[in-house]
N, C-alpha and C. Protein backbone atom coordinates (compact mmCIF):
# COMPACT_ATOMS: atom_id res chain seq x y z
N MET A 1 0.84 -1.17 0.00
CA MET A 1 0.00 0.00 0.00
C MET A 1 0.89 1.24 0.00
N LYS A 2 0.58 2.17 -0.84
CA LYS A 2 1.39 3.37 -0.99
C LYS A 2 0.93 4.45 0.00
N SER A 3 1.88 5.02 0.71
CA SER A 3 1.57 6.09 1.66
C SER A 3 1.38 7.40 0.91
N GLN A 4 0.33 8.13 1.26
CA GLN A 4 0.06 9.41 0.61
C GLN A 4 0.45 10.54 1.54
N THR A 5 1.26 11.45 1.06
CA THR A 5 1.63 12.62 1.85
C THR A 5 0.94 13.84 1.26
N CYS A 6 0.43 14.67 2.12
CA CYS A 6 -0.23 15.89 1.68
C CYS A 6 0.71 17.06 1.88
N SER A 7 0.81 17.88 0.88
CA SER A 7 1.63 19.08 1.03
C SER A 7 0.76 20.17 1.68
N TYR A 8 1.42 21.12 2.30
CA TYR A 8 0.70 22.18 2.98
C TYR A 8 1.25 23.54 2.59
N LEU A 9 0.47 24.57 2.87
CA LEU A 9 0.88 25.97 2.70
C LEU A 9 1.08 26.54 4.09
N ASP A 10 1.63 27.74 4.19
CA ASP A 10 1.70 28.36 5.52
C ASP A 10 0.38 29.06 5.82
N GLY A 11 0.20 29.44 7.07
CA GLY A 11 -1.06 30.02 7.52
C GLY A 11 -1.48 31.28 6.79
N ASN A 12 -0.55 31.95 6.13
CA ASN A 12 -0.90 33.16 5.36
C ASN A 12 -1.92 32.86 4.27
N ALA A 13 -1.94 31.64 3.77
CA ALA A 13 -2.86 31.28 2.70
C ALA A 13 -4.32 31.31 3.16
N ALA A 14 -4.56 31.34 4.47
CA ALA A 14 -5.93 31.39 5.00
C ALA A 14 -6.45 32.82 5.10
N ALA A 15 -5.64 33.81 4.81
CA ALA A 15 -6.02 35.22 5.00
C ALA A 15 -7.31 35.59 4.29
N GLY A 16 -7.48 35.18 3.06
CA GLY A 16 -8.69 35.54 2.30
C GLY A 16 -9.96 35.00 2.94
N GLU A 17 -9.98 33.72 3.25
CA GLU A 17 -11.17 33.12 3.84
C GLU A 17 -11.43 33.67 5.25
N LEU A 18 -10.37 33.83 6.05
CA LEU A 18 -10.55 34.34 7.41
C LEU A 18 -11.00 35.79 7.42
N SER A 19 -10.65 36.55 6.38
CA SER A 19 -11.07 37.96 6.33
C SER A 19 -12.58 38.08 6.11
N ARG A 20 -13.23 36.99 5.71
CA ARG A 20 -14.68 37.00 5.57
C ARG A 20 -15.37 36.96 6.93
N ILE A 21 -14.62 36.55 7.98
CA ILE A 21 -15.16 36.46 9.33
C ILE A 21 -14.59 37.55 10.23
N PHE A 22 -13.27 37.78 10.15
CA PHE A 22 -12.58 38.71 11.04
C PHE A 22 -12.20 39.98 10.29
N ALA A 23 -12.35 41.13 10.95
CA ALA A 23 -11.97 42.40 10.34
C ALA A 23 -10.46 42.61 10.37
N LEU A 24 -9.78 41.97 11.32
CA LEU A 24 -8.33 42.11 11.46
C LEU A 24 -7.61 40.97 10.77
N ASP A 25 -6.33 41.15 10.48
CA ASP A 25 -5.52 40.12 9.85
C ASP A 25 -5.15 39.06 10.88
N ILE A 26 -5.84 37.95 10.85
CA ILE A 26 -5.64 36.88 11.82
C ILE A 26 -4.31 36.17 11.60
N THR A 27 -3.76 36.21 10.39
CA THR A 27 -2.49 35.53 10.15
C THR A 27 -1.34 36.15 10.95
N ALA A 28 -1.50 37.41 11.36
CA ALA A 28 -0.48 38.08 12.18
C ALA A 28 -0.70 37.84 13.67
N ALA A 29 -1.83 37.24 14.02
CA ALA A 29 -2.15 36.98 15.43
C ALA A 29 -1.26 35.87 15.97
N LYS A 30 -1.05 35.89 17.28
CA LYS A 30 -0.25 34.87 17.94
C LYS A 30 -1.18 34.00 18.77
N GLY A 31 -1.01 32.69 18.66
CA GLY A 31 -1.86 31.77 19.40
C GLY A 31 -1.06 30.68 20.05
N GLN A 32 -1.75 29.88 20.86
CA GLN A 32 -1.09 28.78 21.57
C GLN A 32 -1.79 27.48 21.22
N CYS A 33 -1.00 26.48 20.87
CA CYS A 33 -1.52 25.15 20.56
C CYS A 33 -2.04 24.51 21.85
N ALA A 34 -3.27 23.98 21.80
CA ALA A 34 -3.87 23.33 22.96
C ALA A 34 -3.20 21.99 23.28
N ASN A 35 -2.47 21.43 22.32
CA ASN A 35 -1.85 20.13 22.52
C ASN A 35 -0.44 20.24 23.12
N CYS A 36 0.45 20.98 22.45
CA CYS A 36 1.85 21.03 22.90
C CYS A 36 2.23 22.32 23.60
N GLY A 37 1.36 23.35 23.54
CA GLY A 37 1.64 24.62 24.21
C GLY A 37 2.52 25.57 23.41
N ALA A 38 2.87 25.21 22.18
CA ALA A 38 3.70 26.10 21.35
C ALA A 38 2.96 27.41 21.10
N LYS A 39 3.68 28.53 21.23
CA LYS A 39 3.12 29.86 20.98
C LYS A 39 3.75 30.38 19.70
N ARG A 40 2.93 30.52 18.67
CA ARG A 40 3.41 30.93 17.36
C ARG A 40 2.41 31.86 16.69
N HIS A 41 2.90 32.58 15.67
CA HIS A 41 2.00 33.37 14.84
C HIS A 41 1.20 32.39 13.97
N PHE A 42 -0.06 32.74 13.72
CA PHE A 42 -0.90 31.86 12.92
C PHE A 42 -0.29 31.62 11.54
N ALA A 43 0.42 32.59 11.02
CA ALA A 43 1.05 32.45 9.71
C ALA A 43 2.04 31.29 9.66
N GLU A 44 2.54 30.84 10.80
CA GLU A 44 3.48 29.73 10.85
C GLU A 44 2.80 28.36 10.82
N ALA A 45 1.48 28.34 10.98
CA ALA A 45 0.74 27.08 10.97
C ALA A 45 0.85 26.42 9.60
N HIS A 46 0.72 25.11 9.56
CA HIS A 46 0.70 24.38 8.29
C HIS A 46 -0.75 24.29 7.84
N LEU A 47 -1.04 24.83 6.67
CA LEU A 47 -2.41 24.92 6.19
C LEU A 47 -2.65 23.91 5.08
N TYR A 48 -3.64 23.08 5.27
CA TYR A 48 -4.00 22.06 4.30
C TYR A 48 -5.30 22.48 3.61
N VAL A 49 -5.27 22.49 2.28
CA VAL A 49 -6.44 22.94 1.52
C VAL A 49 -6.97 21.84 0.61
N GLN A 50 -6.43 20.62 0.68
CA GLN A 50 -6.87 19.52 -0.17
C GLN A 50 -8.09 18.81 0.43
N CYS A 51 -8.78 19.42 1.34
CA CYS A 51 -9.93 18.83 2.00
C CYS A 51 -11.09 19.81 1.87
N PRO A 52 -12.27 19.40 2.28
CA PRO A 52 -13.37 20.38 2.27
C PRO A 52 -13.05 21.50 3.26
N GLY A 53 -12.77 22.66 2.80
CA GLY A 53 -12.41 23.77 3.67
C GLY A 53 -10.92 23.84 3.92
N LEU A 54 -10.57 24.52 5.02
CA LEU A 54 -9.17 24.70 5.40
C LEU A 54 -8.92 24.01 6.73
N VAL A 55 -7.75 23.40 6.87
CA VAL A 55 -7.34 22.81 8.13
C VAL A 55 -5.95 23.35 8.45
N ALA A 56 -5.82 24.03 9.60
CA ALA A 56 -4.52 24.55 10.04
C ALA A 56 -4.00 23.64 11.15
N ARG A 57 -2.74 23.24 11.02
CA ARG A 57 -2.11 22.36 12.01
C ARG A 57 -0.90 23.05 12.62
N CYS A 58 -0.61 22.70 13.86
CA CYS A 58 0.54 23.25 14.59
C CYS A 58 1.83 22.88 13.85
N ALA A 59 2.71 23.85 13.69
CA ALA A 59 3.99 23.61 13.02
C ALA A 59 4.94 22.77 13.87
N VAL A 60 4.66 22.65 15.17
CA VAL A 60 5.53 21.89 16.07
C VAL A 60 5.06 20.45 16.21
N CYS A 61 3.77 20.24 16.56
CA CYS A 61 3.29 18.88 16.86
C CYS A 61 2.27 18.34 15.86
N ASN A 62 1.85 19.14 14.90
CA ASN A 62 0.91 18.73 13.85
C ASN A 62 -0.54 18.59 14.35
N HIS A 63 -0.84 19.06 15.55
CA HIS A 63 -2.20 19.03 16.10
C HIS A 63 -3.09 20.00 15.31
N VAL A 64 -4.35 19.64 15.11
CA VAL A 64 -5.28 20.53 14.40
C VAL A 64 -5.57 21.76 15.27
N LEU A 65 -5.29 22.95 14.73
CA LEU A 65 -5.55 24.21 15.43
C LEU A 65 -6.90 24.79 15.05
N LEU A 66 -7.20 24.74 13.76
CA LEU A 66 -8.37 25.45 13.24
C LEU A 66 -8.91 24.69 12.04
N ARG A 67 -10.24 24.69 11.94
CA ARG A 67 -10.93 24.17 10.76
C ARG A 67 -11.89 25.26 10.30
N LEU A 68 -11.93 25.51 9.00
CA LEU A 68 -12.85 26.51 8.44
C LEU A 68 -13.49 25.93 7.19
N VAL A 69 -14.82 25.87 7.20
CA VAL A 69 -15.55 25.33 6.05
C VAL A 69 -16.53 26.39 5.57
N ASN A 70 -16.49 26.68 4.28
CA ASN A 70 -17.43 27.60 3.66
C ASN A 70 -18.55 26.74 3.07
N ALA A 71 -19.72 26.79 3.69
CA ALA A 71 -20.86 25.97 3.26
C ALA A 71 -21.94 26.86 2.66
N GLY A 72 -21.60 27.58 1.62
CA GLY A 72 -22.57 28.45 0.96
C GLY A 72 -22.87 29.69 1.76
N GLN A 73 -24.04 29.76 2.35
CA GLN A 73 -24.46 30.92 3.14
C GLN A 73 -24.00 30.85 4.59
N ARG A 74 -23.22 29.84 4.93
CA ARG A 74 -22.76 29.65 6.31
C ARG A 74 -21.28 29.31 6.31
N MET A 75 -20.54 29.95 7.21
CA MET A 75 -19.13 29.62 7.43
C MET A 75 -19.05 28.94 8.79
N VAL A 76 -18.38 27.80 8.85
CA VAL A 76 -18.24 27.07 10.10
C VAL A 76 -16.77 27.13 10.52
N LEU A 77 -16.52 27.66 11.72
CA LEU A 77 -15.16 27.85 12.23
C LEU A 77 -15.00 27.07 13.53
N ASP A 78 -14.01 26.20 13.58
CA ASP A 78 -13.70 25.42 14.78
C ASP A 78 -12.28 25.76 15.18
N MET A 79 -12.11 26.40 16.35
CA MET A 79 -10.79 26.81 16.83
C MET A 79 -10.44 26.14 18.14
N ARG A 80 -11.05 24.99 18.45
CA ARG A 80 -10.81 24.38 19.75
C ARG A 80 -9.40 23.81 19.90
N GLY A 81 -8.62 23.76 18.84
CA GLY A 81 -7.24 23.29 18.93
C GLY A 81 -6.28 24.35 19.44
N MET A 82 -6.81 25.54 19.75
CA MET A 82 -5.98 26.63 20.26
C MET A 82 -6.49 27.04 21.64
N THR A 83 -5.58 27.32 22.56
CA THR A 83 -6.01 27.80 23.87
C THR A 83 -6.34 29.28 23.82
N TYR A 84 -5.68 30.02 22.93
CA TYR A 84 -6.02 31.42 22.72
C TYR A 84 -5.48 31.89 21.38
N LEU A 85 -5.99 33.02 20.91
CA LEU A 85 -5.52 33.70 19.72
C LEU A 85 -5.49 35.18 20.05
N ALA A 86 -4.30 35.78 20.09
CA ALA A 86 -4.13 37.18 20.49
C ALA A 86 -3.82 38.04 19.27
N VAL A 87 -4.56 39.14 19.14
CA VAL A 87 -4.39 40.07 18.02
C VAL A 87 -3.91 41.40 18.56
N GLU A 88 -2.83 41.92 17.98
CA GLU A 88 -2.35 43.25 18.35
C GLU A 88 -3.21 44.29 17.66
N ILE A 89 -3.74 45.23 18.43
CA ILE A 89 -4.58 46.30 17.90
C ILE A 89 -3.76 47.59 17.89
N SER A 90 -3.57 48.15 16.71
CA SER A 90 -2.85 49.42 16.64
C SER A 90 -3.82 50.55 16.93
N GLN A 91 -3.31 51.70 17.33
CA GLN A 91 -4.18 52.83 17.67
C GLN A 91 -4.97 53.29 16.46
N SER A 92 -4.44 53.11 15.25
CA SER A 92 -5.16 53.54 14.07
C SER A 92 -6.40 52.70 13.80
N HIS A 93 -6.49 51.48 14.40
CA HIS A 93 -7.63 50.61 14.20
C HIS A 93 -8.64 50.70 15.34
N GLU A 94 -8.33 51.44 16.40
CA GLU A 94 -9.25 51.53 17.52
C GLU A 94 -10.46 52.38 17.11
N SER A 95 -11.61 51.95 17.55
CA SER A 95 -12.81 52.71 17.19
C SER A 95 -12.95 53.95 18.05
N THR A 96 -13.50 54.98 17.47
CA THR A 96 -13.71 56.23 18.17
C THR A 96 -15.20 56.39 18.44
N VAL A 97 -15.53 56.73 19.67
CA VAL A 97 -16.93 56.94 20.03
C VAL A 97 -17.20 58.43 20.04
N VAL A 98 -18.22 58.87 19.29
CA VAL A 98 -18.60 60.27 19.24
C VAL A 98 -19.87 60.43 20.04
N VAL A 99 -19.85 61.36 21.02
CA VAL A 99 -21.03 61.58 21.86
C VAL A 99 -21.71 62.86 21.45
């Protein structure tokens, strides 16, 4: 039986699909793998696109970090493979409240 290996892209390749959900660039965000505890930028994740949707895996332990499926009028996002995802907010992106 022949073993099949899947090639992957880096997490930057998810920017287009993730921008449909998040206003900020999530690929620049830093998160922690729920399995091994590695803290990395999302752009360093290994992104697999040969499946229905996107699957991002930890670059250290290969644990699934994120799944994103575009199902027509619904986007399904599963991020339970991460303990957190931190986004740096610059002052130019902060909202201003006018009273």
